[in-house]
Amino acid sequence: MPFDPDRVTTVTFDSYSTLVDVDAAEKALADRVDDPEPVSRLWRSRSLAYTFVANAIDAYQPFYEMNRDALQYALDAHGVDVSTEERDEILAVYHELDVFDDVRDGIERLREGGYDCYVVSNGNPAMLDSMVDHADIGDIIEDTISADEVETFKPDAEIYRHAAARTGTPIDEIVHVTAGWFDVVGAQHAGMQAAWVDRKASPWEPFGPEPDLTVETFYDLAEELGV
């Protein structure tokens, strides 16, 4: 179904890979790992895999802990021997990831156009507080909504329904903006429209429905919404 801007009253944003660049985690690995890129990629993919499994077997734990376990696995898999203290120093990079250039100006434009903007994330509250501070968007978003509030991760429909309730918006009046393909599918399944942020000219997944809208930047989204 084509994107319908006239239905949208509220915009929700994913956090990691959408507002902030998880690839920047390589920098924290660089001083301790000869080839940080594959370690970083395995770290990220394993953390997501853990959330999917946790949903399936009802084994929720806060995302920071998921991320810690995934980092430990990635280090072990690549034969990197670091102390617990060093591992936790690497992990702490998630509190200060690089912010994409279009984030603040793009959200400001949407807000000035009359759209309430929220963050809906797997991140636990402490992670989201630090991300919002680091991204300097606390004054232009209404609130952050964490998976921790319902103790389930994306793409479970419960988190999107909870987000709609928290925003006070009918779920079909929300467009969820995310770089995660599984997050697109989850938001659509729950009843939202979904805008896929494709910053790297990636192919769309052959599994599942197409996004309602594909954009490269938040400016493209603002244009689609007529602001």
Protein backbone atom coordinates (compact mmCIF):
# COMPACT_ATOMS: atom_id res chain seq x y z
CA MET A 1 0.00 0.00 0.00
CA PRO A 2 1.44 3.44 -0.90
CA PHE A 3 2.38 5.84 1.88
CA ASP A 4 -0.52 8.04 2.98
CA PRO A 5 0.80 11.27 4.53
CA ASP A 6 -2.70 12.51 5.28
CA ARG A 7 -3.16 9.78 7.91
CA VAL A 8 -0.05 10.74 9.88
CA THR A 9 -0.30 12.78 13.09
CA THR A 10 2.63 11.32 15.06
CA VAL A 11 6.13 10.23 14.06
CA THR A 12 8.11 7.64 16.01
CA PHE A 13 11.79 6.99 15.46
CA ASP A 14 13.93 3.98 16.14
CA SER A 15 17.25 4.82 17.81
CA TYR A 16 20.22 2.61 16.88
CA SER A 17 21.18 2.84 13.18
CA THR A 18 18.38 5.36 12.68
CA LEU A 19 19.34 8.30 14.93
CA VAL A 20 22.84 7.16 15.85
CA ASP A 21 25.43 5.15 13.95
CA VAL A 22 26.17 1.76 15.52
CA ASP A 23 29.05 1.30 13.06
CA ALA A 24 30.87 3.93 15.12
CA ALA A 25 31.35 1.22 17.74
CA GLU A 26 34.33 0.08 15.69
CA LYS A 27 36.26 3.03 17.10
CA ALA A 28 35.97 1.63 20.62
CA LEU A 29 37.30 -1.70 19.40
CA ALA A 30 40.16 -0.31 17.33
CA ASP A 31 42.64 0.05 20.20
CA ARG A 32 42.11 -3.54 21.34
CA VAL A 33 41.34 -5.50 18.16
CA ASP A 34 43.55 -5.83 15.07
CA ASP A 35 40.55 -6.03 12.72
CA PRO A 36 37.60 -4.35 14.47
CA GLU A 37 35.05 -4.40 11.62
CA PRO A 38 34.07 -8.10 11.74
CA VAL A 39 33.98 -8.02 15.54
CA SER A 40 31.69 -4.99 15.45
CA ARG A 41 29.39 -6.58 12.87
CA LEU A 42 29.13 -9.83 14.81
CA TRP A 43 28.48 -7.87 18.01
CA ARG A 44 25.55 -6.05 16.42
CA SER A 45 24.06 -9.08 14.68
CA ARG A 46 24.34 -11.21 17.81
CA SER A 47 22.67 -8.58 20.00
CA LEU A 48 19.68 -8.53 17.64
CA ALA A 49 19.59 -12.32 17.48
CA TYR A 50 19.48 -12.47 21.28
CA THR A 51 16.47 -10.15 21.35
CA PHE A 52 14.61 -12.30 18.82
CA VAL A 53 15.32 -15.45 20.83
CA ALA A 54 14.42 -13.73 24.10
CA ASN A 55 11.00 -12.84 22.67
CA ALA A 56 10.42 -16.42 21.56
CA ILE A 57 11.35 -18.05 24.88
CA ASP A 58 10.16 -15.29 27.25
CA ALA A 59 13.66 -14.53 28.50
CA TYR A 60 13.70 -10.74 28.57
CA GLN A 61 16.66 -8.87 29.99
CA PRO A 62 17.47 -5.17 29.45
CA PHE A 63 19.07 -4.38 26.10
CA TYR A 64 22.31 -3.17 27.71
CA GLU A 65 22.76 -6.66 29.14
CA MET A 66 21.92 -8.23 25.77
CA ASN A 67 24.51 -5.98 24.19
CA ARG A 68 27.10 -6.92 26.83
CA ASP A 69 26.58 -10.65 26.21
CA ALA A 70 26.71 -10.15 22.45
CA LEU A 71 29.97 -8.20 22.73
CA GLN A 72 31.49 -10.94 24.88
CA TYR A 73 30.51 -13.53 22.26
CA ALA A 74 31.97 -11.47 19.41
CA LEU A 75 35.24 -11.03 21.28
CA ASP A 76 35.41 -14.75 22.14
CA ALA A 77 34.56 -15.77 18.56
CA HIS A 78 37.46 -13.70 17.22
CA GLY A 79 39.90 -14.79 19.90
CA VAL A 80 40.16 -11.37 21.53
CA ASP A 81 41.17 -11.61 25.18
CA VAL A 82 40.26 -8.50 27.17
CA SER A 83 39.48 -7.95 30.82
CA THR A 84 35.93 -7.43 32.05
CA GLU A 85 36.80 -3.80 32.69
CA GLU A 86 38.06 -3.34 29.12
CA ARG A 87 34.97 -5.06 27.73
CA ASP A 88 32.73 -2.72 29.72
CA GLU A 89 34.70 0.29 28.45
CA ILE A 90 34.00 -0.87 24.89
CA LEU A 91 30.35 -1.44 25.71
CA ALA A 92 30.01 2.10 27.09
CA VAL A 93 30.42 3.47 23.55
CA TYR A 94 26.67 2.93 23.16
CA HIS A 95 26.18 5.97 25.37
CA GLU A 96 27.95 8.24 22.86
CA LEU A 97 27.49 6.91 19.34
CA ASP A 98 27.89 9.31 16.41
CA VAL A 99 24.66 11.09 15.47
CA PHE A 100 23.62 11.22 11.80
CA ASP A 101 23.87 14.72 10.36
CA ASP A 102 20.21 15.08 9.39
CA VAL A 103 18.74 14.03 12.74
CA ARG A 104 18.34 17.27 14.67
CA ASP A 105 17.39 19.47 11.72
CA GLY A 106 15.08 16.80 10.31
CA ILE A 107 13.18 16.29 13.56
CA GLU A 108 12.97 20.05 14.12
CA ARG A 109 11.40 20.42 10.70
CA LEU A 110 8.81 17.75 11.46
CA ARG A 111 8.04 19.26 14.85
CA GLU A 112 7.61 22.73 13.36
CA GLY A 113 5.28 21.15 10.82
CA GLY A 114 2.99 20.06 13.64
CA TYR A 115 4.07 16.47 14.17
CA ASP A 116 4.73 15.09 17.65
CA CYS A 117 7.97 13.09 17.57
CA TYR A 118 8.93 10.21 19.86
CA VAL A 119 11.71 7.65 20.10
CA VAL A 120 10.62 4.00 20.31
CA SER A 121 13.56 1.72 20.98
CA ASN A 122 14.81 -1.61 22.27
CA GLY A 123 17.24 0.41 24.38
CA ASN A 124 16.62 0.51 28.12
CA PRO A 125 15.88 3.89 29.74
CA ALA A 126 19.46 4.70 30.81
CA MET A 127 20.70 4.03 27.27
CA LEU A 128 17.98 6.21 25.77
CA ASP A 129 18.61 9.06 28.21
CA SER A 130 22.29 9.17 27.28
CA MET A 131 21.52 8.85 23.56
CA VAL A 132 19.06 11.75 23.67
CA ASP A 133 21.55 13.90 25.57
CA HIS A 134 24.39 13.04 23.19
CA ALA A 135 22.22 13.62 20.11
CA ASP A 136 20.98 16.93 21.58
CA ILE A 137 17.35 16.20 20.75
CA GLY A 138 15.77 16.35 24.20
CA ASP A 139 14.06 19.64 23.42
CA ILE A 140 12.48 18.46 20.17
CA ILE A 141 11.12 15.03 21.02
CA GLU A 142 8.11 14.46 23.23
CA ASP A 143 9.46 11.39 25.01
CA THR A 144 11.34 8.11 24.69
CA ILE A 145 9.49 4.80 24.82
CA SER A 146 11.55 1.77 25.81
CA ALA A 147 11.04 -1.94 25.27
CA ASP A 148 11.85 -2.16 28.97
CA GLU A 149 8.37 -0.79 29.73
CA VAL A 150 6.72 -3.92 28.31
CA GLU A 151 9.70 -6.30 28.65
CA THR A 152 9.59 -7.42 25.06
CA PHE A 153 11.64 -6.43 22.04
CA LYS A 154 10.87 -5.45 18.47
CA PRO A 155 9.31 -6.71 16.27
CA ASP A 156 6.74 -7.95 18.82
CA ALA A 157 3.49 -6.08 18.16
CA GLU A 158 3.13 -5.29 21.86
CA ILE A 159 5.85 -2.65 21.84
CA TYR A 160 4.26 -0.75 18.93
CA ARG A 161 0.80 -0.93 20.51
CA HIS A 162 2.30 0.28 23.77
CA ALA A 163 3.95 3.15 21.91
CA ALA A 164 0.63 4.16 20.37
CA ALA A 165 -1.00 4.15 23.80
CA ARG A 166 1.86 6.19 25.29
CA THR A 167 1.63 8.78 22.54
CA GLY A 168 -2.16 8.90 22.77
CA THR A 169 -2.37 8.32 19.02
CA PRO A 170 -4.47 5.82 17.06
CA ILE A 171 -1.92 3.33 15.81
CA ASP A 172 -2.85 3.86 12.16
CA GLU A 173 -2.00 7.57 12.49
CA ILE A 174 1.64 6.84 13.33
CA VAL A 175 4.52 6.51 10.88
CA HIS A 176 7.43 4.63 12.40
CA VAL A 177 10.81 5.64 11.01
CA THR A 178 13.58 3.08 11.17
CA ALA A 179 16.69 1.69 9.50
CA GLY A 180 15.84 -1.84 10.66
CA TRP A 181 14.03 -4.08 8.19
CA PHE A 182 12.53 -6.17 11.01
CA ASP A 183 11.33 -2.96 12.67
CA VAL A 184 9.57 -1.94 9.46
CA VAL A 185 7.79 -5.28 9.29
CA GLY A 186 6.93 -5.21 13.00
CA ALA A 187 5.48 -1.71 12.86
CA GLN A 188 3.37 -2.55 9.81
CA HIS A 189 2.11 -5.76 11.38
CA ALA A 190 1.00 -3.80 14.45
CA GLY A 191 -0.92 -1.30 12.30
CA MET A 192 1.49 1.60 11.76
CA GLN A 193 2.82 2.92 8.51
CA ALA A 194 6.58 2.41 8.28
CA ALA A 195 9.28 4.52 6.63
CA TRP A 196 12.54 2.72 5.99
CA VAL A 197 15.64 4.91 6.33
CA ASP A 198 18.07 3.52 3.76
CA ARG A 199 21.25 5.57 4.17
CA LYS A 200 23.49 3.05 2.38
CA ALA A 201 21.51 2.26 -0.78
CA SER A 202 20.88 -1.26 0.48
CA PRO A 203 18.54 -3.75 -1.20
CA TRP A 204 15.24 -4.36 0.54
CA GLU A 205 14.71 -7.80 2.10
CA PRO A 206 12.90 -10.30 -0.13
CA PHE A 207 11.04 -11.53 2.97
CA GLY A 208 7.97 -9.63 4.11
CA PRO A 209 6.09 -6.62 2.76
CA GLU A 210 7.69 -3.56 1.22
CA PRO A 211 8.05 -0.43 3.38
CA ASP A 212 5.27 2.11 2.97
CA LEU A 213 7.99 4.66 2.23
CA THR A 214 11.75 4.54 1.67
CA VAL A 215 13.85 7.63 2.42
CA GLU A 216 17.56 8.37 2.53
CA THR A 217 17.32 11.12 5.13
CA PHE A 218 14.85 12.69 7.53
CA TYR A 219 14.62 15.62 5.13
CA ASP A 220 13.06 13.27 2.56
CA LEU A 221 10.49 12.24 5.14
CA ALA A 222 9.67 15.87 5.89
CA GLU A 223 9.12 16.52 2.20
CA GLU A 224 6.79 13.51 1.93
CA LEU A 225 4.81 14.91 4.85
CA GLY A 226 4.67 18.33 3.20
CA VAL A 227 6.73 20.25 5.76
